[in-house]
Amino acid sequence: MTKYTYTRLAKEYESLWSSMQVTEVQQARAQAARVCAAGAKTRYKAVEARTGVPWFVVGCLHMRESTGDFSTYLGNGQPLDRRTTIVPKGRGPWPNFEEGAYDALVTVERLNEIEDWGPAHVAYAMEKFNGFGYRNPSRNIPSPYLWGGTNVQKRGKFVRDGVYDPNTMDPQIGGMAVLRQIMEIDPEARFPKAKLKEKALPAPQSPQTSPKAEDSEVEVKPLVKSKTIWGGALQAVTGFVASVIAFVQGMPPWLVALIVVAILVGVWLVVKGRIDVDRVVRHLSSDDAEEGELS
């Protein structure tokens, strides 16, 4: 399951959308006009009817992947009449744009399962469509796939699948910038009212680009913040101490002191790495196995 869930990122998207200013207005508006053109809009609405993805979101993705070329696959901008060779690989061919769009939106990304198409979920769907690689701790910038051509954008770009250049400023206009212009041009482009029970977007099956932004790092919970680990350790220590007290009752004081010193020295050696506990356990386990075979 992805660590980048809609629930975790929704507030960030809402904040960026509300503060976003389009800086490349002319380019963004030109792309918005292409999406809203009668012929294109009709085709995007046909895709919406089959997938549930709003026509203006389909148009924004199409602009980002292939600048609105209807002879290309919506998933990555490659020609419709052949199998894809970049992420998502091995898809197609398709007879037309609409069939390819269904494959990219539903079969690959399952965006048909979204019920709330507010700005935060639109942004999440777009970033999921391209990949969460820009969120990798080694990069950690807002995805230009969404925010290119706005005051949110920062330097850095995947120049091809899995290859990131921190010094490149993505020249493409981001999907959210185009969306803002579409909503200014076309009164039909509006976010539907959110339903009472929102169904969160499912986790992606695999990293998905224009080029796709790949991220193979896994977020690991720090040890010091793990309540489960420390709770188990405390319980183990408490049990050990109780066993030691029961064992030493009735012993001479000097022998008790000697045992305590031996325990403290052993703990110190383990903490300092002087004793490899895993190695000792493996050695003892192998001894036990050999004895079992002989018997």
C-alpha atoms as a PDB file:
ATOM      1  CA  MET A   1       0.000   0.000   0.000  1.00  0.00           C
ATOM      2  CA  THR A   2       1.250   3.469  -0.837  1.00  0.00           C
ATOM      3  CA  LYS A   3       2.325   5.744   1.995  1.00  0.00           C
ATOM      4  CA  TYR A   4       0.880   8.659   0.009  1.00  0.00           C
ATOM      5  CA  THR A   5      -2.806   8.358   0.797  1.00  0.00           C
ATOM      6  CA  TYR A   6      -5.507  10.844  -0.087  1.00  0.00           C
ATOM      7  CA  THR A   7      -6.374  11.316   3.585  1.00  0.00           C
ATOM      8  CA  ARG A   8      -2.789  12.249   4.378  1.00  0.00           C
ATOM      9  CA  LEU A   9      -2.392  14.696   1.463  1.00  0.00           C
ATOM     10  CA  ALA A  10      -5.847  16.278   1.115  1.00  0.00           C
ATOM     11  CA  LYS A  11      -5.188  19.356   3.277  1.00  0.00           C
ATOM     12  CA  GLU A  12      -1.936  20.055   1.454  1.00  0.00           C
ATOM     13  CA  TYR A  13      -3.720  19.964  -1.900  1.00  0.00           C
ATOM     14  CA  GLU A  14      -6.484  22.254  -0.668  1.00  0.00           C
ATOM     15  CA  SER A  15      -3.946  24.757   0.645  1.00  0.00           C
ATOM     16  CA  LEU A  16      -1.922  24.765  -2.587  1.00  0.00           C
ATOM     17  CA  TRP A  17      -5.035  25.111  -4.736  1.00  0.00           C
ATOM     18  CA  SER A  18      -6.327  28.056  -2.720  1.00  0.00           C
ATOM     19  CA  SER A  19      -2.948  29.861  -2.795  1.00  0.00           C
ATOM     20  CA  MET A  20      -1.986  28.921  -6.370  1.00  0.00           C
ATOM     21  CA  GLN A  21      -1.453  31.695  -8.893  1.00  0.00           C
ATOM     22  CA  VAL A  22      -0.935  30.873 -12.560  1.00  0.00           C
ATOM     23  CA  THR A  23       2.264  32.546 -13.739  1.00  0.00           C
ATOM     24  CA  GLU A  24       2.243  31.237 -17.326  1.00  0.00           C
ATOM     25  CA  VAL A  25      -1.260  32.507 -18.004  1.00  0.00           C
ATOM     26  CA  GLN A  26      -1.036  32.655 -21.795  1.00  0.00           C
ATOM     27  CA  GLN A  27       0.132  29.057 -22.202  1.00  0.00           C
ATOM     28  CA  ALA A  28      -2.284  27.727 -19.590  1.00  0.00           C
ATOM     29  CA  ARG A  29      -5.213  29.562 -21.145  1.00  0.00           C
ATOM     30  CA  ALA A  30      -4.331  28.313 -24.629  1.00  0.00           C
ATOM     31  CA  GLN A  31      -4.400  24.726 -23.393  1.00  0.00           C
ATOM     32  CA  ALA A  32      -7.640  25.350 -21.505  1.00  0.00           C
ATOM     33  CA  ALA A  33      -9.217  26.687 -24.690  1.00  0.00           C
ATOM     34  CA  ARG A  34      -8.255  23.485 -26.521  1.00  0.00           C
ATOM     35  CA  VAL A  35      -9.876  21.377 -23.821  1.00  0.00           C
ATOM     36  CA  CYS A  36     -13.065  23.439 -23.976  1.00  0.00           C
ATOM     37  CA  ALA A  37     -13.273  23.478 -27.782  1.00  0.00           C
ATOM     38  CA  ALA A  38     -16.514  21.851 -28.938  1.00  0.00           C
ATOM     39  CA  GLY A  39     -15.002  18.813 -30.664  1.00  0.00           C
ATOM     40  CA  ALA A  40     -12.538  18.010 -27.876  1.00  0.00           C
ATOM     41  CA  LYS A  41     -15.030  18.607 -25.084  1.00  0.00           C
ATOM     42  CA  THR A  42     -17.488  16.189 -26.712  1.00  0.00           C
ATOM     43  CA  ARG A  43     -14.871  13.446 -26.717  1.00  0.00           C
ATOM     44  CA  TYR A  44     -13.830  14.149 -23.136  1.00  0.00           C
ATOM     45  CA  LYS A  45     -17.474  13.985 -22.076  1.00  0.00           C
ATOM     46  CA  ALA A  46     -17.789  10.592 -23.784  1.00  0.00           C
ATOM     47  CA  VAL A  47     -14.876   9.399 -21.633  1.00  0.00           C
ATOM     48  CA  GLU A  48     -16.543  10.869 -18.542  1.00  0.00           C
ATOM     49  CA  ALA A  49     -19.741   8.960 -19.332  1.00  0.00           C
ATOM     50  CA  ARG A  50     -17.826   5.653 -19.291  1.00  0.00           C
ATOM     51  CA  THR A  51     -15.398   6.307 -16.446  1.00  0.00           C
ATOM     52  CA  GLY A  52     -16.970   8.867 -14.116  1.00  0.00           C
ATOM     53  CA  VAL A  53     -13.854  11.043 -14.374  1.00  0.00           C
ATOM     54  CA  PRO A  54     -14.948  14.664 -15.067  1.00  0.00           C
ATOM     55  CA  TRP A  55     -14.366  15.751 -18.659  1.00  0.00           C
ATOM     56  CA  PHE A  56     -12.199  18.683 -17.602  1.00  0.00           C
ATOM     57  CA  VAL A  57      -9.909  16.394 -15.584  1.00  0.00           C
ATOM     58  CA  VAL A  58      -9.552  14.093 -18.606  1.00  0.00           C
ATOM     59  CA  GLY A  59      -8.684  17.166 -20.680  1.00  0.00           C
ATOM     60  CA  CYS A  60      -6.024  18.341 -18.229  1.00  0.00           C
ATOM     61  CA  LEU A  61      -4.362  14.926 -18.208  1.00  0.00           C
ATOM     62  CA  HIS A  62      -4.520  14.793 -22.006  1.00  0.00           C
ATOM     63  CA  MET A  63      -2.811  18.187 -22.289  1.00  0.00           C
ATOM     64  CA  ARG A  64      -0.059  17.132 -19.949  1.00  0.00           C
ATOM     65  CA  GLU A  65       0.581  13.765 -21.622  1.00  0.00           C
ATOM     66  CA  SER A  66       0.417  14.763 -25.301  1.00  0.00           C
ATOM     67  CA  THR A  67      -0.831  18.368 -25.624  1.00  0.00           C
ATOM     68  CA  GLY A  68      -4.267  17.122 -26.600  1.00  0.00           C
ATOM     69  CA  ASP A  69      -3.269  14.773 -29.443  1.00  0.00           C
ATOM     70  CA  PHE A  70      -6.177  12.363 -29.955  1.00  0.00           C
ATOM     71  CA  SER A  71      -3.970   9.871 -31.787  1.00  0.00           C
ATOM     72  CA  THR A  72      -2.108   9.100 -28.550  1.00  0.00           C
ATOM     73  CA  TYR A  73      -2.723   6.971 -25.463  1.00  0.00           C
ATOM     74  CA  LEU A  74      -3.871   9.010 -22.460  1.00  0.00           C
ATOM     75  CA  GLY A  75      -1.703   6.951 -20.099  1.00  0.00           C
ATOM     76  CA  ASN A  76       1.649   8.158 -21.456  1.00  0.00           C
ATOM     77  CA  GLY A  77       1.257  10.007 -24.763  1.00  0.00           C
ATOM     78  CA  GLN A  78       2.495   7.185 -27.013  1.00  0.00           C
ATOM     79  CA  PRO A  79       0.706   6.326 -30.306  1.00  0.00           C
ATOM     80  CA  LEU A  80      -2.566   4.412 -29.990  1.00  0.00           C
ATOM     81  CA  ASP A  81      -1.762   1.915 -32.755  1.00  0.00           C
ATOM     82  CA  ARG A  82       1.075   0.103 -30.962  1.00  0.00           C
ATOM     83  CA  ARG A  83       1.921  -1.373 -27.570  1.00  0.00           C
ATOM     84  CA  THR A  84       3.414   1.052 -25.079  1.00  0.00           C
ATOM     85  CA  THR A  85       7.131   0.900 -24.268  1.00  0.00           C
ATOM     86  CA  ILE A  86       7.178   3.340 -21.326  1.00  0.00           C
ATOM     87  CA  VAL A  87       5.200   3.344 -18.075  1.00  0.00           C
ATOM     88  CA  PRO A  88       2.590   1.958 -18.127  1.00  0.00           C
ATOM     89  CA  LYS A  89       4.340  -0.560 -20.395  1.00  0.00           C
ATOM     90  CA  GLY A  90       2.738  -3.220 -22.575  1.00  0.00           C
ATOM     91  CA  ARG A  91      -0.657  -1.545 -22.987  1.00  0.00           C
ATOM     92  CA  GLY A  92      -2.629  -1.400 -26.226  1.00  0.00           C
ATOM     93  CA  PRO A  93      -3.001  -1.016 -29.092  1.00  0.00           C
ATOM     94  CA  TRP A  94      -6.456   0.646 -29.124  1.00  0.00           C
ATOM     95  CA  PRO A  95      -8.848   1.567 -31.944  1.00  0.00           C
ATOM     96  CA  ASN A  96      -9.412   5.116 -30.695  1.00  0.00           C
ATOM     97  CA  PHE A  97      -8.633   7.661 -27.976  1.00  0.00           C
ATOM     98  CA  GLU A  98     -11.711   6.811 -25.925  1.00  0.00           C
ATOM     99  CA  GLU A  99     -10.780   3.122 -25.554  1.00  0.00           C
ATOM    100  CA  GLY A 100      -7.233   4.020 -24.571  1.00  0.00           C
ATOM    101  CA  ALA A 101      -8.510   6.579 -22.069  1.00  0.00           C
ATOM    102  CA  TYR A 102     -10.731   3.951 -20.455  1.00  0.00           C
ATOM    103  CA  ASP A 103      -7.732   1.651 -20.077  1.00  0.00           C
ATOM    104  CA  ALA A 104      -5.576   4.391 -18.503  1.00  0.00           C
ATOM    105  CA  LEU A 105      -8.223   5.795 -16.167  1.00  0.00           C
ATOM    106  CA  VAL A 106     -10.058   2.634 -15.096  1.00  0.00           C
ATOM    107  CA  THR A 107      -8.014  -0.496 -15.840  1.00  0.00           C
ATOM    108  CA  VAL A 108      -4.665   0.960 -14.783  1.00  0.00           C
ATOM    109  CA  GLU A 109      -5.510   3.704 -12.265  1.00  0.00           C
ATOM    110  CA  ARG A 110      -9.083   2.848 -11.127  1.00  0.00           C
ATOM    111  CA  LEU A 111     -10.030   6.517 -10.998  1.00  0.00           C
ATOM    112  CA  ASN A 112     -13.644   5.482 -11.601  1.00  0.00           C
ATOM    113  CA  GLU A 113     -13.786   4.635  -7.883  1.00  0.00           C
ATOM    114  CA  ILE A 114     -13.526   8.274  -6.809  1.00  0.00           C
ATOM    115  CA  GLU A 115     -16.819   9.717  -5.606  1.00  0.00           C
ATOM    116  CA  ASP A 116     -15.684  13.188  -4.529  1.00  0.00           C
ATOM    117  CA  TRP A 117     -14.173  15.220  -7.387  1.00  0.00           C
ATOM    118  CA  GLY A 118     -13.306  18.329  -5.372  1.00  0.00           C
ATOM    119  CA  PRO A 119      -9.990  20.149  -5.991  1.00  0.00           C
ATOM    120  CA  ALA A 120      -8.044  18.038  -3.484  1.00  0.00           C
ATOM    121  CA  HIS A 121      -9.144  14.764  -5.044  1.00  0.00           C
ATOM    122  CA  VAL A 122      -8.501  16.079  -8.555  1.00  0.00           C
ATOM    123  CA  ALA A 123      -4.947  16.970  -7.507  1.00  0.00           C
ATOM    124  CA  TYR A 124      -4.454  13.571  -5.858  1.00  0.00           C
ATOM    125  CA  ALA A 125      -5.763  11.750  -8.936  1.00  0.00           C
ATOM    126  CA  MET A 126      -3.401  13.720 -11.184  1.00  0.00           C
ATOM    127  CA  GLU A 127      -0.371  13.065  -9.001  1.00  0.00           C
ATOM    128  CA  LYS A 128      -1.248   9.377  -8.690  1.00  0.00           C
ATOM    129  CA  PHE A 129      -1.643   9.214 -12.477  1.00  0.00           C
ATOM    130  CA  ASN A 130       1.914  10.483 -12.948  1.00  0.00           C
ATOM    131  CA  GLY A 131       3.539   8.995  -9.831  1.00  0.00           C
ATOM    132  CA  PHE A 132       4.561  10.152  -6.356  1.00  0.00           C
ATOM    133  CA  GLY A 133       8.291  10.257  -7.107  1.00  0.00           C
ATOM    134  CA  TYR A 134       8.577  13.984  -6.490  1.00  0.00           C
ATOM    135  CA  ARG A 135       7.704  13.320  -2.841  1.00  0.00           C
ATOM    136  CA  ASN A 136      10.764  11.145  -2.329  1.00  0.00           C
ATOM    137  CA  PRO A 137      12.730  12.652   0.623  1.00  0.00           C
ATOM    138  CA  SER A 138      15.734  13.138  -1.669  1.00  0.00           C
ATOM    139  CA  ARG A 139      13.622  15.473  -3.847  1.00  0.00           C
ATOM    140  CA  ASN A 140      10.533  16.594  -1.893  1.00  0.00           C
ATOM    141  CA  ILE A 141       9.123  19.209  -4.278  1.00  0.00           C
ATOM    142  CA  PRO A 142       5.537  19.853  -5.426  1.00  0.00           C
ATOM    143  CA  SER A 143       4.957  17.797  -8.557  1.00  0.00           C
ATOM    144  CA  PRO A 144       5.325  20.020 -11.664  1.00  0.00           C
ATOM    145  CA  TYR A 145       2.891  17.627 -13.348  1.00  0.00           C
ATOM    146  CA  LEU A 146       0.279  19.464 -11.265  1.00  0.00           C
ATOM    147  CA  TRP A 147       1.832  22.824 -10.465  1.00  0.00           C
ATOM    148  CA  GLY A 148       3.990  23.670 -13.500  1.00  0.00           C
ATOM    149  CA  GLY A 149       3.465  27.275 -14.631  1.00  0.00           C
ATOM    150  CA  THR A 150       2.351  28.470 -11.179  1.00  0.00           C
ATOM    151  CA  ASN A 151       3.886  30.119  -8.127  1.00  0.00           C
ATOM    152  CA  VAL A 152       3.901  26.684  -6.448  1.00  0.00           C
ATOM    153  CA  GLN A 153       6.402  25.152  -8.890  1.00  0.00           C
ATOM    154  CA  LYS A 154      10.020  24.548  -7.888  1.00  0.00           C
ATOM    155  CA  ARG A 155      13.069  23.498  -9.890  1.00  0.00           C
ATOM    156  CA  GLY A 156      13.356  19.752 -10.590  1.00  0.00           C
ATOM    157  CA  LYS A 157      11.947  17.342 -13.182  1.00  0.00           C
ATOM    158  CA  PHE A 158      11.873  13.691 -14.213  1.00  0.00           C
ATOM    159  CA  VAL A 159      13.355  14.023 -17.679  1.00  0.00           C
ATOM    160  CA  ARG A 160      12.430  10.412 -18.461  1.00  0.00           C
ATOM    161  CA  ASP A 161      11.072   7.431 -16.559  1.00  0.00           C
ATOM    162  CA  GLY A 162      13.018   7.101 -13.310  1.00  0.00           C
ATOM    163  CA  VAL A 163      15.607   9.771 -14.204  1.00  0.00           C
ATOM    164  CA  TYR A 164      15.408  12.962 -12.139  1.00  0.00           C
ATOM    165  CA  ASP A 165      17.269  16.216 -12.856  1.00  0.00           C
ATOM    166  CA  PRO A 166      17.196  18.646  -9.889  1.00  0.00           C
ATOM    167  CA  ASN A 167      18.393  21.544 -12.077  1.00  0.00           C
ATOM    168  CA  THR A 168      15.681  21.379 -14.737  1.00  0.00           C
ATOM    169  CA  MET A 169      12.661  23.655 -14.529  1.00  0.00           C
ATOM    170  CA  ASP A 170       9.779  21.779 -16.126  1.00  0.00           C
ATOM    171  CA  PRO A 171       8.543  23.932 -19.043  1.00  0.00           C
ATOM    172  CA  GLN A 172       5.209  22.094 -19.327  1.00  0.00           C
ATOM    173  CA  ILE A 173       2.086  23.613 -17.836  1.00  0.00           C
ATOM    174  CA  GLY A 174       0.741  21.679 -14.865  1.00  0.00           C
ATOM    175  CA  GLY A 175      -2.702  20.126 -14.784  1.00  0.00           C
ATOM    176  CA  MET A 176      -3.971  22.316 -11.953  1.00  0.00           C
ATOM    177  CA  ALA A 177      -2.915  25.474 -13.780  1.00  0.00           C
ATOM    178  CA  VAL A 178      -4.855  24.384 -16.865  1.00  0.00           C
ATOM    179  CA  LEU A 179      -7.807  23.432 -14.665  1.00  0.00           C
ATOM    180  CA  ARG A 180      -7.938  26.917 -13.144  1.00  0.00           C
ATOM    181  CA  GLN A 181      -8.118  28.442 -16.623  1.00  0.00           C
ATOM    182  CA  ILE A 182     -10.748  25.950 -17.797  1.00  0.00           C
ATOM    183  CA  MET A 183     -12.959  26.935 -14.872  1.00  0.00           C
ATOM    184  CA  GLU A 184     -12.613  30.588 -15.857  1.00  0.00           C
ATOM    185  CA  ILE A 185     -13.497  29.877 -19.492  1.00  0.00           C
ATOM    186  CA  ASP A 186     -16.279  27.286 -19.222  1.00  0.00           C
ATOM    187  CA  PRO A 187     -19.125  27.589 -16.682  1.00  0.00           C
ATOM    188  CA  GLU A 188     -19.805  23.827 -17.011  1.00  0.00           C
ATOM    189  CA  ALA A 189     -16.442  23.025 -15.469  1.00  0.00           C
ATOM    190  CA  ARG A 190     -17.385  22.929 -11.808  1.00  0.00           C
ATOM    191  CA  PHE A 191     -16.594  20.666  -8.892  1.00  0.00           C
ATOM    192  CA  PRO A 192     -19.627  18.568  -7.970  1.00  0.00           C
ATOM    193  CA  LYS A 193     -20.884  18.734  -4.413  1.00  0.00           C
ATOM    194  CA  ALA A 194     -19.069  16.278  -2.159  1.00  0.00           C
ATOM    195  CA  LYS A 195     -21.077  13.251  -1.064  1.00  0.00           C
ATOM    196  CA  LEU A 196     -21.653  12.612   2.635  1.00  0.00           C
ATOM    197  CA  LYS A 197     -19.519   9.461   2.594  1.00  0.00           C
ATOM    198  CA  GLU A 198     -16.344   9.985   0.672  1.00  0.00           C
ATOM    199  CA  LYS A 199     -14.626   6.965  -0.810  1.00  0.00           C
ATOM    200  CA  ALA A 200     -10.871   7.468  -0.716  1.00  0.00           C
ATOM    201  CA  LEU A 201      -8.911   6.801  -3.884  1.00  0.00           C
ATOM    202  CA  PRO A 202      -7.408   3.300  -3.810  1.00  0.00           C
ATOM    203  CA  ALA A 203      -3.673   2.820  -3.526  1.00  0.00           C
ATOM    204  CA  PRO A 204      -1.812   2.519  -6.831  1.00  0.00           C
ATOM    205  CA  GLN A 205      -0.722  -0.962  -7.870  1.00  0.00           C
ATOM    206  CA  SER A 206       2.638   0.323  -9.069  1.00  0.00           C
ATOM    207  CA  PRO A 207       4.430   3.630  -9.609  1.00  0.00           C
ATOM    208  CA  GLN A 208       3.106   5.160 -12.794  1.00  0.00           C
ATOM    209  CA  THR A 209       4.729   9.118 -16.671  1.00  0.00           C
ATOM    210  CA  SER A 210       4.922  12.198 -18.755  1.00  0.00           C
ATOM    211  CA  PRO A 211       7.533  10.721 -17.794  1.00  0.00           C
ATOM    212  CA  LYS A 212       6.303   8.844 -14.745  1.00  0.00           C
ATOM    213  CA  ALA A 213       7.791   9.901 -11.420  1.00  0.00           C
ATOM    214  CA  GLU A 214       9.160   6.780  -9.785  1.00  0.00           C
ATOM    215  CA  ASP A 215       9.710   6.430  -6.038  1.00  0.00           C
ATOM    216  CA  SER A 216      11.056   3.192  -4.615  1.00  0.00           C
ATOM    217  CA  GLU A 217      11.838   4.394  -1.107  1.00  0.00           C
ATOM    218  CA  VAL A 218       9.813   3.101   1.789  1.00  0.00           C
ATOM    219  CA  GLU A 219       8.960   5.241   4.780  1.00  0.00           C
ATOM    220  CA  VAL A 220      10.003   3.463   7.968  1.00  0.00           C
ATOM    221  CA  LYS A 221       8.630   4.472  11.360  1.00  0.00           C
ATOM    222  CA  PRO A 222      11.472   5.675  13.638  1.00  0.00           C
ATOM    223  CA  LEU A 223      12.270   3.249  16.462  1.00  0.00           C
ATOM    224  CA  VAL A 224      11.957   5.886  19.179  1.00  0.00           C
ATOM    225  CA  LYS A 225       8.380   6.620  18.071  1.00  0.00           C
ATOM    226  CA  SER A 226       7.178   3.014  17.988  1.00  0.00           C
ATOM    227  CA  LYS A 227       4.866   2.454  20.955  1.00  0.00           C
ATOM    228  CA  THR A 228       4.530  -1.230  20.089  1.00  0.00           C
ATOM    229  CA  ILE A 229       8.272  -1.895  20.218  1.00  0.00           C
ATOM    230  CA  TRP A 230       8.897  -0.002  23.455  1.00  0.00           C
ATOM    231  CA  GLY A 231       5.803  -1.457  25.106  1.00  0.00           C
ATOM    232  CA  GLY A 232       6.982  -4.980  24.339  1.00  0.00           C
ATOM    233  CA  ALA A 233      10.491  -4.162  25.553  1.00  0.00           C
ATOM    234  CA  LEU A 234       9.168  -2.772  28.843  1.00  0.00           C
ATOM    235  CA  GLN A 235       7.072  -5.862  29.395  1.00  0.00           C
ATOM    236  CA  ALA A 236      10.056  -8.133  28.712  1.00  0.00           C
ATOM    237  CA  VAL A 237      12.314  -6.182  31.086  1.00  0.00           C
ATOM    238  CA  THR A 238       9.683  -6.277  33.847  1.00  0.00           C
ATOM    239  CA  GLY A 239       9.338 -10.049  33.546  1.00  0.00           C
ATOM    240  CA  PHE A 240      13.104 -10.516  33.546  1.00  0.00           C
ATOM    241  CA  VAL A 241      13.552  -8.425  36.699  1.00  0.00           C
ATOM    242  CA  ALA A 242      10.845 -10.397  38.493  1.00  0.00           C
ATOM    243  CA  SER A 243      12.546 -13.678  37.555  1.00  0.00           C
ATOM    244  CA  VAL A 244      15.927 -12.435  38.806  1.00  0.00           C
ATOM    245  CA  ILE A 245      14.457 -11.366  42.176  1.00  0.00           C
ATOM    246  CA  ALA A 246      12.864 -14.771  42.670  1.00  0.00           C
ATOM    247  CA  PHE A 247      16.134 -16.499  41.748  1.00  0.00           C
ATOM    248  CA  VAL A 248      18.416 -14.561  44.103  1.00  0.00           C
ATOM    249  CA  GLN A 249      16.229 -14.768  47.208  1.00  0.00           C
ATOM    250  CA  GLY A 250      18.157 -16.535  49.939  1.00  0.00           C
ATOM    251  CA  MET A 251      21.571 -16.056  48.321  1.00  0.00           C
ATOM    252  CA  PRO A 252      24.459 -14.377  50.147  1.00  0.00           C
ATOM    253  CA  PRO A 253      24.691 -10.616  49.457  1.00  0.00           C
ATOM    254  CA  TRP A 254      28.129 -10.948  47.821  1.00  0.00           C
ATOM    255  CA  LEU A 255      26.778 -13.497  45.304  1.00  0.00           C
ATOM    256  CA  VAL A 256      23.777 -11.291  44.477  1.00  0.00           C
ATOM    257  CA  ALA A 257      26.108  -8.337  43.898  1.00  0.00           C
ATOM    258  CA  LEU A 258      28.298 -10.459  41.622  1.00  0.00           C
ATOM    259  CA  ILE A 259      25.297 -11.535  39.526  1.00  0.00           C
ATOM    260  CA  VAL A 260      24.075  -7.921  39.189  1.00  0.00           C
ATOM    261  CA  VAL A 261      27.536  -6.752  38.077  1.00  0.00           C
ATOM    262  CA  ALA A 262      27.717  -9.576  35.517  1.00  0.00           C
ATOM    263  CA  ILE A 263      24.318  -8.617  34.104  1.00  0.00           C
ATOM    264  CA  LEU A 264      25.240  -4.923  33.848  1.00  0.00           C
ATOM    265  CA  VAL A 265      28.517  -5.759  32.117  1.00  0.00           C
ATOM    266  CA  GLY A 266      26.678  -8.004  29.647  1.00  0.00           C
ATOM    267  CA  VAL A 267      24.132  -5.295  28.881  1.00  0.00           C
ATOM    268  CA  TRP A 268      26.916  -2.754  28.395  1.00  0.00           C
ATOM    269  CA  LEU A 269      28.751  -5.054  25.961  1.00  0.00           C
ATOM    270  CA  VAL A 270      25.570  -5.628  23.924  1.00  0.00           C
ATOM    271  CA  VAL A 271      24.811  -1.890  23.754  1.00  0.00           C
ATOM    272  CA  LYS A 272      28.384  -1.106  22.669  1.00  0.00           C
ATOM    273  CA  GLY A 273      28.238  -3.803  20.023  1.00  0.00           C
ATOM    274  CA  ARG A 274      30.930  -5.907  21.608  1.00  0.00           C
ATOM    275  CA  ILE A 275      28.607  -8.917  21.674  1.00  0.00           C
ATOM    276  CA  ASP A 276      26.720  -9.838  18.468  1.00  0.00           C
ATOM    277  CA  VAL A 277      23.460 -11.169  19.897  1.00  0.00           C
ATOM    278  CA  ASP A 278      22.147 -12.382  16.515  1.00  0.00           C
ATOM    279  CA  ARG A 279      25.354 -14.340  15.924  1.00  0.00           C
ATOM    280  CA  VAL A 280      25.172 -15.968  19.374  1.00  0.00           C
ATOM    281  CA  VAL A 281      21.530 -16.949  18.816  1.00  0.00           C
ATOM    282  CA  ARG A 282      22.324 -18.430  15.415  1.00  0.00           C
ATOM    283  CA  HIS A 283      25.235 -20.389  16.928  1.00  0.00           C
ATOM    284  CA  LEU A 284      23.111 -21.800  19.735  1.00  0.00           C
ATOM    285  CA  SER A 285      20.330 -22.648  17.308  1.00  0.00           C
ATOM    286  CA  SER A 286      22.732 -24.565  15.062  1.00  0.00           C
ATOM    287  CA  ASP A 287      24.053 -26.460  18.100  1.00  0.00           C
ATOM    288  CA  ASP A 288      20.531 -27.430  19.077  1.00  0.00           C
ATOM    289  CA  ALA A 289      19.784 -28.599  15.558  1.00  0.00           C
ATOM    290  CA  GLU A 290      22.915 -30.771  15.456  1.00  0.00           C
ATOM    291  CA  GLU A 291      22.050 -32.353  18.804  1.00  0.00           C
ATOM    292  CA  GLY A 292      18.547 -33.132  17.563  1.00  0.00           C
ATOM    293  CA  GLU A 293      19.938 -34.853  14.460  1.00  0.00           C
ATOM    294  CA  LEU A 294      22.343 -36.977  16.546  1.00  0.00           C
ATOM    295  CA  SER A 295      19.610 -38.079  18.929  1.00  0.00           C
END
